[in-house]
């Protein structure tokens, strides 16, 4: 594991020290990671929409059965 030999971070900040290390992401890693996150977010959104539709349908049936709906 090679460390870059450039300008040293002297602010005393842990974040600054970590960012000064210069670890670079490759374009392929970033692209596949972004695609994975987008797919995961789309699946999560679909699940939430499906649950919401089920809640609305069951609530409507419950209100219709109790005589509270118009």
Protein backbone atom coordinates (compact mmCIF):
# COMPACT_ATOMS: atom_id res chain seq x y z
CA UNK A 1 0.00 0.00 0.00
CA UNK A 2 1.67 3.21 -1.16
CA UNK A 3 0.94 6.59 0.33
CA UNK A 4 1.16 9.71 -1.80
CA UNK A 5 4.14 11.94 -1.12
CA UNK A 6 2.70 15.38 -1.57
CA UNK A 7 1.62 18.29 0.53
CA UNK A 8 0.88 17.24 4.09
CA UNK A 9 -2.35 18.14 5.90
CA UNK A 10 -1.48 20.32 8.91
CA UNK A 11 -4.87 21.53 10.16
CA UNK A 12 -5.11 18.78 12.79
CA UNK A 13 -8.49 17.71 11.44
CA UNK A 14 -9.06 13.98 11.12
CA UNK A 15 -11.30 14.58 8.09
CA UNK A 16 -8.63 16.73 6.46
CA UNK A 17 -6.03 14.06 7.14
CA UNK A 18 -8.21 11.35 5.61
CA UNK A 19 -9.04 13.47 2.55
CA UNK A 20 -5.36 14.38 2.09
CA UNK A 21 -4.47 10.68 1.65
CA UNK A 22 -5.58 10.92 -1.97
CA UNK A 23 -7.35 7.59 -2.40
CA UNK A 24 -8.95 7.79 -5.82
CA UNK A 25 -12.01 5.88 -6.96
CA UNK A 26 -11.88 4.34 -10.39
CA UNK A 27 -14.65 5.30 -12.80
CA UNK A 28 -15.87 1.68 -13.04
CA UNK A 29 -16.23 1.33 -9.26
CA UNK A 30 -18.10 4.63 -9.00
CA UNK A 31 -20.40 3.81 -11.93
CA UNK A 32 -21.38 0.35 -10.70
CA UNK A 33 -21.84 1.64 -7.17
CA UNK A 34 -24.11 4.44 -8.40
CA UNK A 35 -26.14 2.01 -10.51
CA UNK A 36 -26.53 -0.31 -7.52
CA UNK A 37 -27.77 2.57 -5.35
CA UNK A 38 -30.24 3.73 -8.02
CA UNK A 39 -31.64 0.21 -8.40
CA UNK A 40 -31.93 -0.20 -4.62
CA UNK A 41 -33.73 3.16 -4.29
CA UNK A 42 -36.15 2.25 -7.11
CA UNK A 43 -36.97 -1.08 -5.45
CA UNK A 44 -37.48 0.63 -2.08
CA UNK A 45 -39.77 3.22 -3.68
CA UNK A 46 -41.79 0.47 -5.38
CA UNK A 47 -42.20 -1.39 -2.08
CA UNK A 48 -43.35 1.79 -0.31
CA UNK A 49 -45.87 2.57 -3.06
CA UNK A 50 -47.22 -0.99 -2.95
CA UNK A 51 -47.62 -0.84 0.84
CA UNK A 52 -49.35 2.54 0.55
CA UNK A 53 -51.81 1.19 -2.02
CA UNK A 54 -52.60 -1.80 0.20
CA UNK A 55 -53.17 0.45 3.22
CA UNK A 56 -55.53 2.69 1.23
CA UNK A 57 -57.49 -0.29 -0.13
CA UNK A 58 -57.83 -1.95 3.29
CA UNK A 59 -58.77 1.34 4.94
CA UNK A 60 -61.40 1.94 2.29
CA UNK A 61 -62.84 -1.54 2.82
CA UNK A 62 -62.85 -1.05 6.59
CA UNK A 63 -64.64 2.29 6.30
CA UNK A 64 -67.17 0.84 3.83
CA UNK A 65 -67.87 -2.05 6.19
CA UNK A 66 -68.44 0.22 9.19
CA UNK A 67 -70.83 2.56 7.41
CA UNK A 68 -68.60 5.61 7.89
CA UNK A 69 -67.90 6.26 4.21
CA UNK A 70 -70.22 8.41 2.16
